[in-house]
């Protein structure tokens, strides 16, 4: 997900408080912005591993 810096700067006080569901927060502020949104169905990977997520326990 990519978001313009101008959009993030408008919501920086909220962004500093977010602990969970950051992707959902990005989607909501994208909807609230005056910019057009692009949704693409290209698969970039099968899954992603994050340090603090349920998928962090996956192994190959």
Protein backbone atom coordinates (compact mmCIF):
# COMPACT_ATOMS: atom_id res chain seq x y z
CA UNK A 1 0.00 0.00 0.00
CA UNK A 2 1.31 3.41 -0.92
CA UNK A 3 -0.06 6.70 0.40
CA UNK A 4 0.94 10.27 -0.39
CA UNK A 5 2.94 12.00 2.29
CA UNK A 6 0.44 14.88 2.32
CA UNK A 7 -2.32 12.50 3.40
CA UNK A 8 -0.23 10.97 6.18
CA UNK A 9 0.82 14.38 7.45
CA UNK A 10 -2.84 15.38 7.88
CA UNK A 11 -3.37 12.44 10.25
CA UNK A 12 0.04 12.28 11.94
CA UNK A 13 -1.34 12.67 15.48
CA UNK A 14 -3.59 9.63 14.95
CA UNK A 15 -0.84 7.71 13.19
CA UNK A 16 1.39 8.00 16.25
CA UNK A 17 -1.33 6.43 18.40
CA UNK A 18 -2.12 3.44 16.14
CA UNK A 19 -0.91 0.13 17.56
CA UNK A 20 -3.01 -2.35 15.54
CA UNK A 21 -4.67 -2.52 12.11
CA UNK A 22 -2.41 0.05 10.46
CA UNK A 23 -3.47 -1.19 7.00
CA UNK A 24 -7.11 -0.48 7.86
CA UNK A 25 -6.13 2.99 9.05
CA UNK A 26 -4.34 3.65 5.75
CA UNK A 27 -7.40 2.51 3.81
CA UNK A 28 -9.73 4.77 5.81
CA UNK A 29 -7.58 7.88 5.42
CA UNK A 30 -7.28 7.04 1.73
CA UNK A 31 -11.07 7.09 1.45
CA UNK A 32 -11.23 10.35 3.41
CA UNK A 33 -8.68 12.09 1.17
CA UNK A 34 -9.53 14.06 -1.94
CA UNK A 35 -7.25 11.89 -4.06
CA UNK A 36 -8.29 9.09 -6.40
CA UNK A 37 -7.57 5.55 -5.24
CA UNK A 38 -6.24 2.71 -7.37
CA UNK A 39 -7.06 -0.89 -6.52
CA UNK A 40 -4.90 -3.50 -8.22
CA UNK A 41 -5.33 -7.27 -8.05
CA UNK A 42 -1.72 -8.15 -8.87
CA UNK A 43 -0.36 -10.67 -6.35
CA UNK A 44 2.94 -9.40 -4.97
CA UNK A 45 3.59 -12.38 -2.73
CA UNK A 46 1.93 -15.40 -1.18
CA UNK A 47 2.21 -14.08 2.36
CA UNK A 48 4.27 -11.62 4.32
CA UNK A 49 5.94 -12.09 7.65
CA UNK A 50 5.83 -9.34 10.21
CA UNK A 51 7.50 -9.29 13.57
CA UNK A 52 4.30 -8.71 15.55
CA UNK A 53 1.67 -10.67 13.65
CA UNK A 54 0.11 -14.11 13.67
CA UNK A 55 2.18 -15.00 10.61
CA UNK A 56 5.46 -14.34 12.43
CA UNK A 57 5.46 -17.94 13.67
CA UNK A 58 5.47 -19.42 10.13
CA UNK A 59 8.52 -21.35 9.04
CA UNK A 60 9.55 -22.80 5.68
